Amino acid sequence: MGIHYDYKSTKSAKLMEKQAKREKKLAEKRAKKIAKSGFQRETNSENTNDVTKPITLDDITNPNKGK
């Protein structure tokens, strides 16, 4: 019967360790995702047009005008 006594007495501690491990993994995934998405946002912001200016046919067809 000693095994069952040990299991019940350590069950809550093991559950807390598992939950802490799970939360740590989720936090690492979130940080990785944020870092990855932040890098993509910087590269995409260079190629955007001014939203206050209307898009003309010349803007679309002339590739050298934007440079």
Protein backbone atom coordinates (compact mmCIF):
# COMPACT_ATOMS: atom_id res chain seq x y z
CA MET A 1 0.00 0.00 0.00
CA GLY A 2 2.97 2.30 0.26
CA ILE A 3 3.05 2.92 -3.48
CA HIS A 4 -0.46 4.34 -3.50
CA TYR A 5 0.32 6.60 -0.58
CA ASP A 6 3.36 7.97 -2.41
CA TYR A 7 1.41 8.46 -5.63
CA LYS A 8 -1.32 10.51 -3.97
CA SER A 9 1.08 12.59 -1.97
CA THR A 10 3.21 13.53 -5.02
CA LYS A 11 0.40 13.78 -7.58
CA SER A 12 -0.23 17.51 -7.13
CA ALA A 13 3.47 18.34 -7.34
CA LYS A 14 3.84 16.34 -10.56
CA LEU A 15 0.78 18.03 -12.08
CA MET A 16 2.18 21.47 -11.26
CA GLU A 17 5.52 20.55 -12.84
CA LYS A 18 3.76 19.35 -16.00
CA GLN A 19 1.70 22.54 -16.21
CA ALA A 20 4.79 24.71 -15.73
CA LYS A 21 6.60 22.78 -18.44
CA ARG A 22 3.61 23.16 -20.80
CA GLU A 23 3.38 26.92 -20.15
CA LYS A 24 7.12 27.31 -20.73
CA LYS A 25 6.83 25.56 -24.10
CA LEU A 26 3.89 27.76 -25.11
CA ALA A 27 5.76 30.91 -24.10
CA GLU A 28 8.76 29.86 -26.20
CA LYS A 29 6.51 29.16 -29.19
CA ARG A 30 4.82 32.56 -28.83
CA ALA A 31 8.17 34.35 -28.59
CA LYS A 32 9.45 32.52 -31.65
CA LYS A 33 6.28 33.34 -33.59
CA ILE A 34 6.41 37.02 -32.61
CA ALA A 35 10.07 37.26 -33.58
CA LYS A 36 9.39 35.60 -36.92
CA SER A 37 6.35 37.77 -37.73
CA GLY A 38 8.17 40.95 -36.67
CA PHE A 39 10.95 40.20 -39.16
CA GLN A 40 8.43 39.72 -41.99
CA ARG A 41 6.63 42.97 -41.20
CA GLU A 42 9.84 44.95 -41.59
CA THR A 43 10.57 43.52 -45.03
CA ASN A 44 7.01 44.02 -46.25
CA SER A 45 6.84 47.67 -45.15
CA GLU A 46 9.50 48.65 -47.72
CA ASN A 47 7.36 47.61 -50.69
CA THR A 48 4.10 49.31 -49.74
CA ASN A 49 2.62 52.35 -51.43
CA ASP A 50 1.38 55.54 -49.79
CA VAL A 51 -2.27 54.97 -48.87
CA THR A 52 -3.19 58.65 -49.19
CA LYS A 53 -2.12 58.75 -52.86
CA PRO A 54 -4.41 57.13 -55.46
CA ILE A 55 -2.92 54.34 -57.56
CA THR A 56 -2.60 55.24 -61.24
CA LEU A 57 -2.00 53.06 -64.29
CA ASP A 58 1.49 54.53 -64.56
CA ASP A 59 2.32 53.33 -61.03
CA ILE A 60 1.34 49.79 -61.97
CA THR A 61 2.91 49.54 -65.44
CA ASN A 62 6.17 51.51 -65.03
CA PRO A 63 8.61 49.42 -62.94
CA ASN A 64 11.31 52.15 -62.80
CA LYS A 65 9.11 54.94 -61.45
CA GLY A 66 9.18 53.73 -57.82
CA LYS A 67 12.98 53.55 -57.70
